[in-house]
Amino acid sequence: YRDGCREILSLGSEVVVCKLAEEGAYLVYKGGEMEFRPQQKVEVIDNTGAGDVFNAGFLAGMLLGRSLGDCLAFAHRVAVKSLCGYGRQSYPDTADLEAI
């Protein structure tokens, strides 16, 4: 996946993120690369939409001007929240986001 991400970056992207499910995520950008590895395991109840929630969390962090590392960590946290219940009812709400 690392080589694939670097290849996509070489085509003109600014940032490339590869989601690695329970293993975290890998990010490459013009200034380097980084990995996010979760520190704890969670019991997955339903993974429907978790990738979309991750994407939304990452983009929210970017829009708020956070560092790429903070964006990865935030995206992971909101995705984990979405795994802990069934469907949309487990997606993070405003109170959850403020707590994170």
Protein backbone atom coordinates (compact mmCIF):
# COMPACT_ATOMS: atom_id res chain seq x y z
CA TYR A 1 0.00 0.00 0.00
CA ARG A 2 2.89 2.40 0.66
CA ASP A 3 4.15 2.27 -2.91
CA GLY A 4 0.61 2.70 -4.22
CA CYS A 5 0.08 5.78 -2.06
CA ARG A 6 3.37 7.27 -3.23
CA GLU A 7 2.40 6.58 -6.84
CA ILE A 8 -0.93 8.39 -6.39
CA LEU A 9 0.90 11.29 -4.74
CA SER A 10 3.26 11.51 -7.72
CA LEU A 11 0.24 12.05 -9.99
CA GLY A 12 -0.42 15.41 -8.35
CA SER A 13 -2.32 14.77 -5.13
CA GLU A 14 -1.39 16.85 -2.10
CA VAL A 15 -2.25 14.19 0.49
CA VAL A 16 -3.03 10.48 0.17
CA VAL A 17 -4.53 8.48 3.04
CA CYS A 18 -4.76 4.69 3.06
CA LYS A 19 -7.16 3.32 5.66
CA LEU A 20 -5.95 0.07 7.22
CA ALA A 21 -9.05 -0.90 9.24
CA GLU A 22 -8.06 -2.01 12.75
CA GLU A 23 -4.39 -1.46 11.90
CA GLY A 24 -4.88 2.33 11.63
CA ALA A 25 -4.00 4.46 8.63
CA TYR A 26 -1.06 5.50 6.48
CA LEU A 27 -0.66 9.01 5.09
CA VAL A 28 1.79 10.36 2.56
CA TYR A 29 2.15 14.01 1.55
CA LYS A 30 4.71 16.11 -0.28
CA GLY A 31 6.64 16.71 2.94
CA GLY A 32 6.83 13.10 4.13
CA GLU A 33 4.71 10.29 5.46
CA MET A 34 3.20 9.10 8.73
CA GLU A 35 1.30 6.21 10.20
CA PHE A 36 -1.42 6.17 12.78
CA ARG A 37 -1.61 3.01 14.87
CA PRO A 38 -4.50 2.72 17.34
CA GLN A 39 -3.54 2.07 20.94
CA GLN A 40 -6.60 0.06 21.89
CA LYS A 41 -8.90 -2.50 20.34
CA VAL A 42 -12.67 -2.09 20.30
CA GLU A 43 -15.46 -4.57 19.91
CA VAL A 44 -16.94 -3.96 16.47
CA ILE A 45 -20.73 -4.16 16.44
CA ASP A 46 -21.33 -2.83 12.92
CA ASN A 47 -18.79 -1.45 10.47
CA THR A 48 -21.34 -0.02 8.04
CA GLY A 49 -20.25 3.49 7.12
CA ALA A 50 -17.11 3.52 9.27
CA GLY A 51 -14.92 4.40 6.30
CA ASP A 52 -17.20 7.29 5.38
CA VAL A 53 -17.15 8.51 8.98
CA PHE A 54 -13.33 8.31 8.91
CA ASN A 55 -13.27 10.38 5.70
CA ALA A 56 -15.63 12.97 7.17
CA GLY A 57 -13.56 13.20 10.35
CA PHE A 58 -10.34 13.66 8.40
CA LEU A 59 -11.87 16.37 6.21
CA ALA A 60 -13.38 18.12 9.24
CA GLY A 61 -9.93 18.27 10.80
CA MET A 62 -8.49 19.70 7.59
CA LEU A 63 -11.21 22.35 7.42
CA LEU A 64 -10.46 23.31 11.03
CA GLY A 65 -6.78 23.79 10.13
CA ARG A 66 -5.48 20.87 12.21
CA SER A 67 -2.18 19.14 11.50
CA LEU A 68 -2.24 16.03 9.34
CA GLY A 69 -1.40 13.90 12.38
CA ASP A 70 -4.29 15.41 14.33
CA CYS A 71 -6.60 14.84 11.36
CA LEU A 72 -5.64 11.15 11.30
CA ALA A 73 -6.18 10.74 15.03
CA PHE A 74 -9.53 12.57 14.92
CA ALA A 75 -10.71 10.55 11.92
CA HIS A 76 -9.82 7.34 13.72
CA ARG A 77 -11.65 8.37 16.90
CA VAL A 78 -14.88 9.24 15.12
CA ALA A 79 -14.70 6.05 13.03
CA VAL A 80 -14.25 3.97 16.19
CA LYS A 81 -17.34 5.63 17.69
CA SER A 82 -19.31 4.56 14.61
CA LEU A 83 -18.21 0.93 15.08
CA CYS A 84 -19.73 0.66 18.55
CA GLY A 85 -23.39 0.45 17.54
CA TYR A 86 -25.69 -0.25 14.63
CA GLY A 87 -25.89 2.05 11.63
CA ARG A 88 -26.30 5.80 11.79
CA GLN A 89 -27.46 5.81 15.39
CA SER A 90 -23.86 5.20 16.45
CA TYR A 91 -22.35 7.96 14.31
CA PRO A 92 -20.81 10.77 16.34
CA ASP A 93 -23.00 13.78 17.04
CA THR A 94 -21.98 17.34 17.93
CA ALA A 95 -21.53 16.51 21.62
CA ASP A 96 -19.26 13.58 20.74
CA LEU A 97 -17.21 15.74 18.40
CA GLU A 98 -16.73 18.42 21.04
CA ALA A 99 -15.63 15.76 23.54
CA ILE A 100 -13.05 14.44 21.08
